[in-house]
Amino acid sequence: MNEAAVTKKLVDLSETISLAPVKGAAASAQAADGTYVSDCSHARSSAEDMLEQLSLQIKYLLFDLEATRRENRYLRQILETRPRRPQDDGDNDLNLPGV
C-alpha cells in the first residue's frame, strides 16, 4: 500500500468515527458505508455483574460445603465416642411395653 492509499483509508476511518453514534444513542446504528457500530458497554457491564454474582455464589457454596464437612466430622466423632448399647435378643429396638 502506498502513502496516498493509507491516507485515504485514514480519512475514511475518521469520517466513519465522526458519524458513529455517541454513547447512549441507538446501539445499532450503521454508518454510511454499512459498518455496524455497537455500544457494548452495557453488555460488558452486564456480563461483569453476572460474573461477580457467580463468583459470590461460588464462595457461598464453598463456605456451606466446608461447614457441612465440619458438621459431619463432628457428628461422626460423637457417634464413634458414645457408648454402645448392649444388643437385645434380636427383638426390635423399640422395646414397647405390652407389644
N, C-alpha and C. Protein backbone atom coordinates (compact mmCIF):
# COMPACT_ATOMS: atom_id res chain seq x y z
N MET A 1 0.83 -1.17 0.00
CA MET A 1 0.00 0.00 0.00
C MET A 1 0.89 1.24 0.00
N ASN A 2 0.51 2.20 -0.80
CA ASN A 2 1.30 3.43 -0.83
C ASN A 2 0.75 4.45 0.16
N GLU A 3 1.45 5.55 0.28
CA GLU A 3 1.09 6.56 1.27
C GLU A 3 -0.26 7.20 0.98
N ALA A 4 -0.60 7.38 -0.27
CA ALA A 4 -1.88 8.00 -0.64
C ALA A 4 -3.04 7.10 -0.24
N ALA A 5 -2.91 5.79 -0.44
CA ALA A 5 -3.98 4.85 -0.09
C ALA A 5 -4.17 4.80 1.43
N VAL A 6 -3.07 4.81 2.17
CA VAL A 6 -3.16 4.79 3.63
C VAL A 6 -3.82 6.07 4.12
N THR A 7 -3.45 7.21 3.52
CA THR A 7 -4.04 8.48 3.92
C THR A 7 -5.53 8.49 3.64
N LYS A 8 -5.95 7.97 2.48
CA LYS A 8 -7.37 7.92 2.13
C LYS A 8 -8.13 7.03 3.11
N LYS A 9 -7.55 5.87 3.47
CA LYS A 9 -8.22 4.98 4.42
C LYS A 9 -8.33 5.64 5.79
N LEU A 10 -7.32 6.38 6.21
CA LEU A 10 -7.38 7.08 7.49
C LEU A 10 -8.46 8.15 7.47
N VAL A 11 -8.61 8.86 6.35
CA VAL A 11 -9.65 9.88 6.23
C VAL A 11 -11.02 9.22 6.28
N ASP A 12 -11.18 8.10 5.57
CA ASP A 12 -12.45 7.37 5.59
C ASP A 12 -12.78 6.88 7.01
N LEU A 13 -11.77 6.37 7.69
CA LEU A 13 -11.97 5.89 9.06
C LEU A 13 -12.36 7.05 9.98
N SER A 14 -11.71 8.17 9.82
CA SER A 14 -12.04 9.35 10.61
C SER A 14 -13.48 9.80 10.38
N GLU A 15 -13.93 9.78 9.13
CA GLU A 15 -15.31 10.14 8.82
C GLU A 15 -16.29 9.14 9.44
N THR A 16 -15.96 7.87 9.36
CA THR A 16 -16.82 6.83 9.93
C THR A 16 -16.94 7.01 11.44
N ILE A 17 -15.83 7.31 12.10
CA ILE A 17 -15.86 7.52 13.54
C ILE A 17 -16.68 8.74 13.90
N SER A 18 -16.57 9.80 13.09
CA SER A 18 -17.34 11.00 13.39
C SER A 18 -18.84 10.79 13.17
N LEU A 19 -19.21 9.85 12.30
CA LEU A 19 -20.61 9.55 12.06
C LEU A 19 -21.18 8.54 13.05
N ALA A 20 -20.30 7.91 13.82
CA ALA A 20 -20.74 6.88 14.77
C ALA A 20 -21.58 7.53 15.86
N PRO A 21 -22.53 6.77 16.41
CA PRO A 21 -23.40 7.34 17.45
C PRO A 21 -22.62 7.60 18.73
N VAL A 22 -23.05 8.61 19.44
CA VAL A 22 -22.45 8.89 20.74
C VAL A 22 -22.96 7.88 21.75
N LYS A 23 -22.23 7.73 22.85
CA LYS A 23 -22.64 6.78 23.88
C LYS A 23 -24.01 7.18 24.41
N GLY A 24 -24.90 6.21 24.50
CA GLY A 24 -26.26 6.46 24.95
C GLY A 24 -27.22 6.59 23.80
N ALA A 25 -26.72 6.71 22.58
CA ALA A 25 -27.60 6.78 21.41
C ALA A 25 -28.01 5.37 21.03
N ALA A 26 -28.71 5.23 19.92
CA ALA A 26 -29.17 3.90 19.49
C ALA A 26 -27.98 2.97 19.33
N ALA A 27 -28.09 1.78 19.86
CA ALA A 27 -26.97 0.85 19.88
C ALA A 27 -26.69 0.23 18.54
N SER A 28 -27.65 0.21 17.65
CA SER A 28 -27.42 -0.48 16.38
C SER A 28 -27.45 0.50 15.21
N ALA A 29 -26.67 1.53 15.30
CA ALA A 29 -26.61 2.49 14.19
C ALA A 29 -25.64 1.99 13.15
N GLN A 30 -25.90 2.35 11.90
CA GLN A 30 -24.99 1.95 10.83
C GLN A 30 -24.45 3.20 10.17
N ALA A 31 -23.16 3.18 9.87
CA ALA A 31 -22.53 4.30 9.19
C ALA A 31 -22.88 4.24 7.71
N ALA A 32 -22.45 5.24 6.97
CA ALA A 32 -22.80 5.35 5.55
C ALA A 32 -22.24 4.20 4.73
N ASP A 33 -21.10 3.66 5.14
CA ASP A 33 -20.50 2.58 4.35
C ASP A 33 -20.97 1.20 4.78
N GLY A 34 -21.97 1.11 5.65
CA GLY A 34 -22.52 -0.18 6.05
C GLY A 34 -21.83 -0.80 7.24
N THR A 35 -20.96 -0.08 7.91
CA THR A 35 -20.27 -0.61 9.07
C THR A 35 -21.21 -0.61 10.26
N TYR A 36 -21.26 -1.72 10.96
CA TYR A 36 -22.12 -1.85 12.14
C TYR A 36 -21.37 -1.32 13.34
N VAL A 37 -21.96 -0.38 14.03
CA VAL A 37 -21.35 0.21 15.22
C VAL A 37 -22.26 -0.12 16.39
N SER A 38 -21.69 -0.71 17.42
CA SER A 38 -22.49 -1.11 18.57
C SER A 38 -21.86 -0.59 19.85
N ASP A 39 -22.70 -0.25 20.80
CA ASP A 39 -22.23 0.16 22.11
C ASP A 39 -22.27 -1.07 23.01
N CYS A 40 -21.12 -1.64 23.28
CA CYS A 40 -21.04 -2.89 24.05
C CYS A 40 -20.86 -2.66 25.54
N SER A 41 -20.84 -1.39 25.96
CA SER A 41 -20.56 -1.14 27.38
C SER A 41 -21.65 -1.72 28.28
N HIS A 42 -22.91 -1.66 27.83
CA HIS A 42 -23.99 -2.22 28.63
C HIS A 42 -23.84 -3.73 28.74
N ALA A 43 -23.58 -4.38 27.62
CA ALA A 43 -23.41 -5.84 27.63
C ALA A 43 -22.20 -6.23 28.46
N ARG A 44 -21.13 -5.45 28.36
CA ARG A 44 -19.92 -5.76 29.10
C ARG A 44 -20.17 -5.61 30.60
N SER A 45 -20.84 -4.53 31.00
CA SER A 45 -21.09 -4.35 32.43
C SER A 45 -22.06 -5.40 32.94
N SER A 46 -23.02 -5.79 32.10
CA SER A 46 -23.95 -6.84 32.50
C SER A 46 -23.22 -8.17 32.68
N ALA A 47 -22.31 -8.47 31.76
CA ALA A 47 -21.53 -9.71 31.87
C ALA A 47 -20.63 -9.67 33.10
N GLU A 48 -20.03 -8.51 33.38
CA GLU A 48 -19.19 -8.39 34.56
C GLU A 48 -20.02 -8.56 35.83
N ASP A 49 -21.22 -7.99 35.84
CA ASP A 49 -22.11 -8.16 37.00
C ASP A 49 -22.47 -9.62 37.21
N MET A 50 -22.76 -10.32 36.11
CA MET A 50 -23.11 -11.74 36.23
C MET A 50 -21.92 -12.55 36.73
N LEU A 51 -20.71 -12.23 36.27
CA LEU A 51 -19.53 -12.94 36.74
C LEU A 51 -19.28 -12.67 38.23
N GLU A 52 -19.48 -11.43 38.65
CA GLU A 52 -19.33 -11.12 40.07
C GLU A 52 -20.36 -11.88 40.91
N GLN A 53 -21.59 -11.94 40.43
CA GLN A 53 -22.64 -12.66 41.14
C GLN A 53 -22.31 -14.15 41.21
N LEU A 54 -21.84 -14.72 40.09
CA LEU A 54 -21.46 -16.13 40.07
C LEU A 54 -20.31 -16.39 41.03
N SER A 55 -19.34 -15.50 41.05
CA SER A 55 -18.21 -15.66 41.97
C SER A 55 -18.67 -15.63 43.42
N LEU A 56 -19.57 -14.73 43.74
CA LEU A 56 -20.10 -14.65 45.10
C LEU A 56 -20.87 -15.92 45.47
N GLN A 57 -21.69 -16.42 44.54
CA GLN A 57 -22.44 -17.64 44.80
C GLN A 57 -21.51 -18.83 45.02
N ILE A 58 -20.43 -18.90 44.25
CA ILE A 58 -19.47 -19.99 44.41
C ILE A 58 -18.81 -19.89 45.79
N LYS A 59 -18.48 -18.68 46.23
CA LYS A 59 -17.89 -18.51 47.56
C LYS A 59 -18.85 -18.99 48.64
N TYR A 60 -20.12 -18.63 48.51
CA TYR A 60 -21.12 -19.09 49.50
C TYR A 60 -21.25 -20.61 49.47
N LEU A 61 -21.26 -21.21 48.28
CA LEU A 61 -21.36 -22.66 48.19
C LEU A 61 -20.15 -23.35 48.82
N LEU A 62 -18.95 -22.81 48.58
CA LEU A 62 -17.76 -23.39 49.19
C LEU A 62 -17.79 -23.25 50.71
N PHE A 63 -18.26 -22.12 51.19
CA PHE A 63 -18.39 -21.93 52.64
C PHE A 63 -19.37 -22.95 53.21
N ASP A 64 -20.51 -23.12 52.55
CA ASP A 64 -21.52 -24.07 53.01
C ASP A 64 -20.98 -25.49 52.98
N LEU A 65 -20.23 -25.83 51.93
CA LEU A 65 -19.64 -27.16 51.83
C LEU A 65 -18.67 -27.42 52.98
N GLU A 66 -17.82 -26.45 53.28
CA GLU A 66 -16.88 -26.61 54.39
C GLU A 66 -17.61 -26.73 55.72
N ALA A 67 -18.65 -25.94 55.91
CA ALA A 67 -19.43 -26.02 57.16
C ALA A 67 -20.09 -27.39 57.28
N THR A 68 -20.61 -27.92 56.19
CA THR A 68 -21.24 -29.24 56.20
C THR A 68 -20.21 -30.32 56.51
N ARG A 69 -19.02 -30.20 55.95
CA ARG A 69 -17.96 -31.18 56.23
C ARG A 69 -17.56 -31.14 57.71
N ARG A 70 -17.42 -29.93 58.25
CA ARG A 70 -17.07 -29.81 59.68
C ARG A 70 -18.16 -30.43 60.55
N GLU A 71 -19.41 -30.15 60.20
CA GLU A 71 -20.53 -30.69 60.96
C GLU A 71 -20.56 -32.21 60.87
N ASN A 72 -20.34 -32.77 59.69
CA ASN A 72 -20.31 -34.23 59.53
C ASN A 72 -19.18 -34.84 60.35
N ARG A 73 -17.99 -34.22 60.32
CA ARG A 73 -16.88 -34.72 61.11
C ARG A 73 -17.21 -34.72 62.59
N TYR A 74 -17.83 -33.65 63.05
CA TYR A 74 -18.21 -33.54 64.46
C TYR A 74 -19.23 -34.60 64.84
N LEU A 75 -20.26 -34.79 64.01
CA LEU A 75 -21.29 -35.78 64.31
C LEU A 75 -20.74 -37.20 64.27
N ARG A 76 -19.83 -37.49 63.35
CA ARG A 76 -19.21 -38.82 63.31
C ARG A 76 -18.37 -39.06 64.56
N GLN A 77 -17.69 -38.02 65.00
CA GLN A 77 -16.89 -38.15 66.21
C GLN A 77 -17.79 -38.44 67.41
N ILE A 78 -18.93 -37.78 67.49
CA ILE A 78 -19.88 -38.05 68.57
C ILE A 78 -20.37 -39.49 68.50
N LEU A 79 -20.71 -39.96 67.30
CA LEU A 79 -21.19 -41.34 67.15
C LEU A 79 -20.11 -42.35 67.52
N GLU A 80 -18.86 -42.07 67.20
CA GLU A 80 -17.78 -43.02 67.49
C GLU A 80 -17.42 -43.05 68.97
N THR A 81 -17.61 -41.95 69.67
CA THR A 81 -17.19 -41.90 71.08
C THR A 81 -18.30 -42.23 72.06
N ARG A 82 -19.53 -42.30 71.61
CA ARG A 82 -20.61 -42.60 72.55
C ARG A 82 -20.59 -44.09 72.90
N PRO A 83 -21.03 -44.42 74.11
CA PRO A 83 -21.04 -45.84 74.50
C PRO A 83 -22.11 -46.60 73.70
N ARG A 84 -21.78 -47.79 73.35
CA ARG A 84 -22.72 -48.61 72.58
C ARG A 84 -23.70 -49.29 73.52
N ARG A 85 -24.94 -49.46 73.03
CA ARG A 85 -25.95 -50.16 73.82
C ARG A 85 -25.73 -51.66 73.67
N PRO A 86 -25.99 -52.39 74.72
CA PRO A 86 -25.90 -53.86 74.58
C PRO A 86 -26.99 -54.36 73.63
N GLN A 87 -26.67 -55.38 72.88
CA GLN A 87 -27.63 -55.94 71.92
C GLN A 87 -28.68 -56.76 72.67
N ASP A 88 -29.92 -56.64 72.21
CA ASP A 88 -31.02 -57.40 72.80
C ASP A 88 -31.05 -58.79 72.17
N ASP A 89 -32.15 -59.52 72.41
CA ASP A 89 -32.30 -60.88 71.91
C ASP A 89 -32.68 -60.91 70.44
N GLY A 90 -32.44 -59.90 69.74
CA GLY A 90 -32.85 -59.87 68.35
C GLY A 90 -34.19 -59.19 68.17
N ASP A 91 -34.80 -58.74 69.28
CA ASP A 91 -36.06 -58.02 69.18
C ASP A 91 -35.80 -56.68 68.51
N ASN A 92 -36.92 -56.03 68.23
CA ASN A 92 -36.75 -54.72 67.61
C ASN A 92 -36.18 -53.73 68.64
N ASP A 93 -35.74 -52.60 68.18
CA ASP A 93 -35.09 -51.62 69.05
C ASP A 93 -36.07 -50.76 69.82
N LEU A 94 -37.36 -50.91 69.57
CA LEU A 94 -38.32 -50.01 70.19
C LEU A 94 -38.61 -50.35 71.64
N ASN A 95 -38.59 -51.63 72.02
CA ASN A 95 -38.87 -52.08 73.38
C ASN A 95 -40.15 -51.47 73.92
N LEU A 96 -41.22 -51.61 73.18
CA LEU A 96 -42.51 -51.08 73.61
C LEU A 96 -43.15 -52.04 74.60
N PRO A 97 -43.69 -51.54 75.72
CA PRO A 97 -44.34 -52.43 76.70
C PRO A 97 -45.66 -52.95 76.15
N GLY A 98 -45.93 -54.20 76.39
CA GLY A 98 -47.19 -54.81 76.00
C GLY A 98 -47.32 -55.11 74.53
N VAL A 99 -46.26 -55.09 73.82
CA VAL A 99 -46.36 -55.39 72.39
C VAL A 99 -45.82 -56.75 72.11
